[in-house]
Structures are given as C-alpha cells and as structure tokens.
Amino acid sequence: MPREIITMQCEECKNRNYSTTKNRKTMTERLELKKFCNTCRKHTGHKEVK
C-alpha cells in the first residue's frame, strides 16, 4: 500500500494539529498546506513532519 499517514505541524506554534495521507511514490517532497490552527486561532502554514 503506497499511501502513508503523515502528521501536519503548525509553522508558528509548532503544534501538531492534523493528520492526513499521501502517496509517497507520486509526492516525494514534503507537503505544505494552509490550515486553521486552534492554538493560534488563525490560518497558518502547516508542514509535514515525521
């Protein structure tokens, strides 16, 4: 199964808020999305962490 579960971390407060899946064969680079952070109470950039 090529899809793996990844965790998303807020760039401002470093809080790990979201988990999602991605296909490692087609997307080798780290995923970056704008998501809502409950700790910061605003939309911030979230990056993939291990």
N, C-alpha and C. Protein backbone atom coordinates (compact mmCIF):
# COMPACT_ATOMS: atom_id res chain seq x y z
N MET A 1 0.84 -1.19 0.00
CA MET A 1 0.00 0.00 0.00
C MET A 1 0.88 1.24 0.00
N PRO A 2 0.89 2.04 -1.07
CA PRO A 2 1.80 3.19 -1.16
C PRO A 2 1.36 4.41 -0.34
N ARG A 3 0.08 4.51 0.08
CA ARG A 3 -0.36 5.67 0.85
C ARG A 3 0.05 5.52 2.30
N GLU A 4 0.64 6.58 2.86
CA GLU A 4 1.09 6.55 4.24
C GLU A 4 0.50 7.72 5.02
N ILE A 5 0.28 7.51 6.31
CA ILE A 5 -0.26 8.55 7.19
C ILE A 5 0.86 9.50 7.57
N ILE A 6 0.60 10.81 7.43
CA ILE A 6 1.58 11.83 7.82
C ILE A 6 0.93 12.78 8.82
N THR A 7 1.75 13.50 9.58
CA THR A 7 1.28 14.47 10.57
C THR A 7 1.65 15.87 10.10
N MET A 8 0.74 16.82 10.32
CA MET A 8 0.97 18.21 9.92
C MET A 8 1.25 19.05 11.17
N GLN A 9 2.28 19.91 11.09
CA GLN A 9 2.69 20.74 12.22
C GLN A 9 2.59 22.22 11.85
N CYS A 10 2.05 23.03 12.78
CA CYS A 10 1.93 24.47 12.56
C CYS A 10 3.32 25.10 12.54
N GLU A 11 3.53 26.03 11.61
CA GLU A 11 4.84 26.68 11.50
C GLU A 11 5.05 27.73 12.58
N GLU A 12 3.98 28.29 13.14
CA GLU A 12 4.12 29.35 14.14
C GLU A 12 4.27 28.80 15.55
N CYS A 13 3.31 27.96 15.98
CA CYS A 13 3.34 27.47 17.37
C CYS A 13 3.93 26.07 17.50
N LYS A 14 4.27 25.42 16.39
CA LYS A 14 4.86 24.07 16.36
C LYS A 14 3.93 23.00 16.93
N ASN A 15 2.63 23.28 16.95
CA ASN A 15 1.66 22.32 17.45
C ASN A 15 1.29 21.35 16.33
N ARG A 16 1.22 20.05 16.64
CA ARG A 16 0.86 19.04 15.64
C ARG A 16 -0.65 18.86 15.66
N ASN A 17 -1.34 19.44 14.66
CA ASN A 17 -2.79 19.54 14.68
C ASN A 17 -3.50 18.52 13.80
N TYR A 18 -2.97 18.23 12.63
CA TYR A 18 -3.68 17.45 11.62
C TYR A 18 -2.90 16.21 11.23
N SER A 19 -3.64 15.19 10.78
CA SER A 19 -3.03 14.03 10.16
C SER A 19 -3.77 13.76 8.86
N THR A 20 -3.03 13.34 7.85
CA THR A 20 -3.60 13.06 6.54
C THR A 20 -2.78 11.96 5.89
N THR A 21 -3.15 11.57 4.67
CA THR A 21 -2.40 10.55 3.95
C THR A 21 -1.85 11.14 2.67
N LYS A 22 -0.76 10.55 2.19
CA LYS A 22 -0.24 10.95 0.90
C LYS A 22 0.44 9.76 0.24
N ASN A 23 0.53 9.81 -1.07
CA ASN A 23 1.15 8.76 -1.86
C ASN A 23 2.64 9.07 -1.98
N ARG A 24 3.49 8.27 -1.37
CA ARG A 24 4.93 8.53 -1.36
C ARG A 24 5.57 8.33 -2.74
N LYS A 25 4.96 7.53 -3.60
CA LYS A 25 5.54 7.30 -4.93
C LYS A 25 5.37 8.51 -5.84
N THR A 26 4.23 9.21 -5.75
CA THR A 26 3.98 10.34 -6.63
C THR A 26 4.40 11.67 -6.02
N MET A 27 4.39 11.78 -4.67
CA MET A 27 4.77 13.02 -3.99
C MET A 27 5.93 12.73 -3.06
N THR A 28 7.14 12.99 -3.54
CA THR A 28 8.32 12.70 -2.72
C THR A 28 8.69 13.87 -1.81
N GLU A 29 8.31 15.10 -2.18
CA GLU A 29 8.64 16.27 -1.34
C GLU A 29 7.64 16.39 -0.20
N ARG A 30 8.00 17.22 0.79
CA ARG A 30 7.14 17.41 1.97
C ARG A 30 5.93 18.25 1.62
N LEU A 31 4.81 17.88 2.19
CA LEU A 31 3.53 18.55 1.92
C LEU A 31 3.42 19.82 2.75
N GLU A 32 2.96 20.92 2.12
CA GLU A 32 2.74 22.19 2.81
C GLU A 32 1.35 22.69 2.46
N LEU A 33 0.53 22.96 3.50
CA LEU A 33 -0.83 23.44 3.30
C LEU A 33 -1.14 24.56 4.28
N LYS A 34 -2.11 25.41 3.93
CA LYS A 34 -2.62 26.41 4.87
C LYS A 34 -3.83 25.82 5.56
N LYS A 35 -3.76 25.67 6.88
CA LYS A 35 -4.84 25.07 7.66
C LYS A 35 -5.13 25.99 8.85
N PHE A 36 -6.28 25.76 9.49
CA PHE A 36 -6.65 26.55 10.67
C PHE A 36 -6.01 25.91 11.90
N CYS A 37 -5.30 26.73 12.70
CA CYS A 37 -4.67 26.26 13.94
C CYS A 37 -5.52 26.73 15.12
N ASN A 38 -5.98 25.78 15.95
CA ASN A 38 -6.80 26.14 17.10
C ASN A 38 -5.99 26.87 18.17
N THR A 39 -4.70 26.60 18.28
CA THR A 39 -3.87 27.26 19.27
C THR A 39 -3.62 28.72 18.89
N CYS A 40 -3.28 28.97 17.63
CA CYS A 40 -3.04 30.34 17.15
C CYS A 40 -4.34 31.09 16.86
N ARG A 41 -5.44 30.35 16.67
CA ARG A 41 -6.74 30.91 16.33
C ARG A 41 -6.74 31.65 14.99
N LYS A 42 -5.96 31.15 14.01
CA LYS A 42 -5.94 31.73 12.67
C LYS A 42 -5.40 30.71 11.67
N HIS A 43 -5.50 31.03 10.38
CA HIS A 43 -4.98 30.18 9.34
C HIS A 43 -3.48 30.39 9.23
N THR A 44 -2.73 29.30 9.34
CA THR A 44 -1.27 29.35 9.23
C THR A 44 -0.79 28.24 8.32
N GLY A 45 0.49 28.30 7.96
CA GLY A 45 1.09 27.24 7.15
C GLY A 45 1.36 26.02 8.00
N HIS A 46 1.06 24.85 7.47
CA HIS A 46 1.32 23.59 8.16
C HIS A 46 2.22 22.74 7.25
N LYS A 47 3.28 22.18 7.84
CA LYS A 47 4.21 21.34 7.09
C LYS A 47 4.17 19.91 7.60
N GLU A 48 4.54 19.02 6.71
CA GLU A 48 4.61 17.60 7.05
C GLU A 48 5.80 17.32 7.96
N VAL A 49 5.57 16.54 9.02
CA VAL A 49 6.65 16.10 9.91
C VAL A 49 6.59 14.59 10.01
N LYS A 50 7.63 13.99 10.55
CA LYS A 50 7.67 12.53 10.69
C LYS A 50 6.72 12.04 11.75
